[in-house]
Protein backbone atom coordinates (compact mmCIF):
# COMPACT_ATOMS: atom_id res chain seq x y z
CA MET A 1 -10.01 9.56 14.63
CA THR A 2 -10.70 12.06 17.12
CA TYR A 3 -9.32 15.60 17.11
CA GLY A 4 -8.76 17.61 20.22
CA VAL A 5 -8.10 21.43 20.27
CA ILE A 6 -5.47 22.19 23.45
CA VAL A 7 -3.76 25.45 24.44
CA CYS A 8 -0.03 25.31 25.44
CA THR A 9 0.36 25.70 29.26
CA LYS A 10 3.53 26.80 29.20
CA CYS A 11 3.36 30.12 26.72
CA ARG A 12 -0.28 29.99 26.72
CA LYS A 13 -0.32 31.50 23.44
CA GLN A 14 -0.94 28.62 20.92
CA ALA A 15 -3.99 26.68 20.36
CA GLN A 16 -3.26 23.55 18.41
CA ILE A 17 -4.99 20.46 17.07
CA ILE A 18 -4.15 17.02 18.43
CA ASP A 19 -5.15 13.69 17.74
CA CYS A 20 -6.51 12.44 20.86
CA GLY A 21 -5.37 8.90 22.18
CA ILE A 22 -2.83 8.46 19.82
CA SER A 23 0.11 9.96 21.36
CA LYS A 24 1.10 10.70 24.95
CA THR A 25 3.20 13.76 24.26
CA THR A 26 3.25 16.71 21.96
CA ARG A 27 5.10 19.84 21.42
CA CYS A 28 4.11 23.14 21.32
CA GLN A 29 4.38 24.86 17.89
CA ARG A 30 5.33 28.07 19.09
CA CYS A 31 7.64 27.50 22.35
CA ASN A 32 8.52 23.94 21.64
CA ALA A 33 7.47 22.86 25.19
CA THR A 34 6.63 19.22 25.72
CA LEU A 35 2.95 18.87 26.90
CA ILE A 36 1.64 15.54 28.08
CA THR A 37 -1.43 14.83 26.30
CA ARG A 38 -3.63 13.18 29.17
CA LYS A 39 -2.85 15.85 31.63
CA ILE A 40 -3.59 18.92 29.29
CA ARG A 41 -7.09 20.27 29.15
CA VAL A 42 -8.88 19.76 25.88
CA PHE A 43 -11.17 22.61 25.12
CA PHE A 44 -12.95 21.25 22.15
CA SER A 45 -13.09 17.66 20.39
CA SER A 46 -14.61 16.26 17.26
CA GLU A 47 -14.50 13.50 14.76
CA ASN A 48 -14.57 16.25 12.11
CA LEU A 49 -11.35 17.87 11.46
CA ASP A 50 -13.08 21.05 9.82
CA GLU A 51 -15.01 21.60 13.24
CA ALA A 52 -11.58 21.18 15.18
CA ILE A 53 -10.08 23.65 12.77
CA SER A 54 -12.76 26.14 13.62
CA ALA A 55 -12.72 25.82 17.24
CA ARG A 56 -8.84 26.31 17.19
CA THR A 57 -9.50 29.32 14.98
CA GLN A 58 -11.80 30.98 17.40
CA ILE A 59 -9.48 29.92 20.55
CA GLN A 60 -6.55 31.50 18.87
CA ALA A 61 -8.60 34.84 18.12
CA GLN A 62 -9.67 34.98 21.44
CA ILE A 63 -6.10 34.37 22.92
CA ALA A 64 -4.72 36.84 20.33
CA GLU A 65 -7.54 39.35 21.29
CA LYS A 66 -8.32 39.69 17.74
CA GLY A 67 -11.33 39.47 15.66
CA THR A 68 -14.55 40.64 16.77
CA TYR A 69 -15.30 39.27 20.24
CA THR A 70 -18.80 40.09 21.49
CA LEU A 71 -21.34 38.35 23.79
CA GLN A 72 -25.10 38.00 22.87
CA THR A 73 -27.45 38.87 25.86
CA GLU A 74 -30.88 37.29 26.58
CA LYS A 75 -32.76 40.03 24.97
CA GLU A 76 -30.50 40.15 21.43
CA LYS A 77 -30.94 36.20 21.05
CA GLY A 78 -33.81 35.41 23.15
CA ASP A 79 -32.39 32.57 25.17
CA ARG A 80 -30.75 32.40 28.54
CA THR A 81 -27.33 31.59 27.51
CA LEU A 82 -24.65 33.63 26.47
CA HIS A 83 -22.64 32.62 23.51
CA GLN A 84 -19.25 34.00 22.38
CA VAL A 85 -19.41 35.29 18.74
CA PHE A 86 -16.72 35.83 16.11
CA GLY A 87 -18.14 37.50 13.29
CA SER A 88 -22.00 37.07 12.90
CA GLU A 89 -22.73 33.67 13.41
CA ILE A 90 -22.87 31.55 16.71
CA ASP A 91 -21.07 28.14 16.61
CA SER A 92 -23.16 26.24 19.17
CA LYS A 93 -19.95 23.64 19.73
CA THR A 94 -17.90 26.24 20.89
CA SER A 95 -20.56 27.89 23.32
CA CYS A 96 -18.32 26.66 26.02
CA PHE A 97 -16.34 29.55 25.69
CA ALA A 98 -19.16 31.68 26.93
CA ASP A 99 -17.90 34.46 29.45
CA ASN A 100 -19.12 32.98 32.84
CA ARG A 101 -17.33 35.64 35.00
CA LYS A 102 -19.82 36.94 37.80
CA VAL A 103 -20.71 40.45 37.57
CA GLN A 104 -19.18 42.28 40.50
CA LYS A 105 -21.29 43.28 43.43
CA LYS A 106 -21.76 46.93 44.27
CA LYS A 107 -19.94 47.60 47.21
CA LYS A 108 -21.29 47.98 50.49
CA ALA A 109 -22.23 51.43 51.36
CA ASP A 110 -21.07 51.30 55.01
CA GLU A 111 -17.87 50.07 54.61
CA VAL A 112 -17.63 52.52 51.67
CA ILE A 113 -18.76 55.30 54.01
CA ILE A 114 -16.12 53.91 56.81
CA LYS A 115 -13.01 53.80 54.42
CA ILE A 116 -13.58 57.11 52.76
CA LEU A 117 -13.74 58.81 56.52
CA LEU A 118 -10.60 56.73 57.45
CA ALA A 119 -8.91 58.13 54.53
CA ASN A 120 -9.88 61.74 55.24
CA ASN A 121 -8.77 62.09 58.83
CA LYS A 122 -11.85 60.34 60.23
CA GLU A 123 -14.14 63.56 59.26
CA MET A 124 -15.80 64.79 56.60
CA SER A 125 -18.64 67.13 55.35
CA HIS A 126 -22.02 64.96 54.61
CA ASN A 127 -21.94 66.41 50.83
CA GLU A 128 -18.22 65.75 50.50
CA LEU A 129 -18.83 62.03 51.73
CA LYS A 130 -21.68 61.66 49.28
CA ILE A 131 -19.76 62.71 46.37
CA ALA A 132 -16.75 60.43 47.12
CA ALA A 133 -19.23 57.44 47.91
CA LEU A 134 -21.06 58.08 44.57
CA ALA A 135 -17.88 58.32 42.76
CA ILE A 136 -17.02 54.86 44.09
CA ASP A 137 -20.11 53.60 42.85
CA VAL A 138 -22.32 53.55 45.86
CA ASP A 139 -25.96 54.01 44.97
CA GLY A 140 -27.49 57.44 46.52
CA GLY A 141 -30.41 55.74 48.11
CA LYS A 142 -28.18 53.06 49.80
CA PHE A 143 -25.99 55.95 50.89
CA GLU A 144 -28.39 57.81 53.06
CA ASP A 145 -29.80 54.51 54.34
CA ALA A 146 -26.39 53.27 55.46
CA LEU A 147 -25.68 56.72 56.87
CA GLN A 148 -28.86 56.66 59.11
CA LYS A 149 -28.03 53.23 60.22
CA MET A 150 -24.49 53.88 61.33
CA LEU A 151 -25.59 57.13 62.97
CA GLN A 152 -28.30 55.08 65.01
CA ALA A 153 -25.65 52.17 65.85
CA GLY A 154 -23.10 54.73 66.87
CA GLU A 155 -20.62 53.95 64.60
CA ILE A 156 -20.43 57.61 63.22
CA TYR A 157 -21.66 60.92 64.83
CA SER A 158 -22.73 64.28 63.44
CA PRO A 159 -20.89 66.74 66.10
CA SER A 160 -22.43 69.66 63.89
CA LYS A 161 -24.83 70.02 61.01
CA GLY A 162 -23.35 68.81 57.65
CA LEU A 163 -20.10 67.08 59.56
CA ILE A 164 -19.72 63.51 59.73
CA LYS A 165 -17.12 61.71 62.13
CA ILE A 166 -16.20 58.28 63.12
CA VAL A 167 -16.65 57.16 66.83
């Protein structure tokens, strides 16, 4: 007998254990929606009921945003994979629940400069522009490089010392 852990596709608030392969449909224990078992994603499967219960508990805690949810980094564990941790132990069978979202890249400095200038009547002092760009998470060195490249390319110009305008 193989047990599977699923999450209701309608309410997305209930993780439950099903017996894989026996029934074609099941009902959500929370919202009573009918779920077609062959079309629903199985998050975890095991021959052992205790393992399935443990996985269901971890998934339910993640859904409810309760428990102690942390990701251990390479430095902390010495390996290259991130594991989701509830409490102090890593469950290797549920490591598929690791957070695989991509880290957001820093914004391009030239695009940020143009957006800031457009929002401020197409002109701004150099210092105010730099402060606004740094507040939007642009690196200081990249800001100066991008500003010089844009001045050389003719996208922006400086009519007087310390003033930047869009062409």
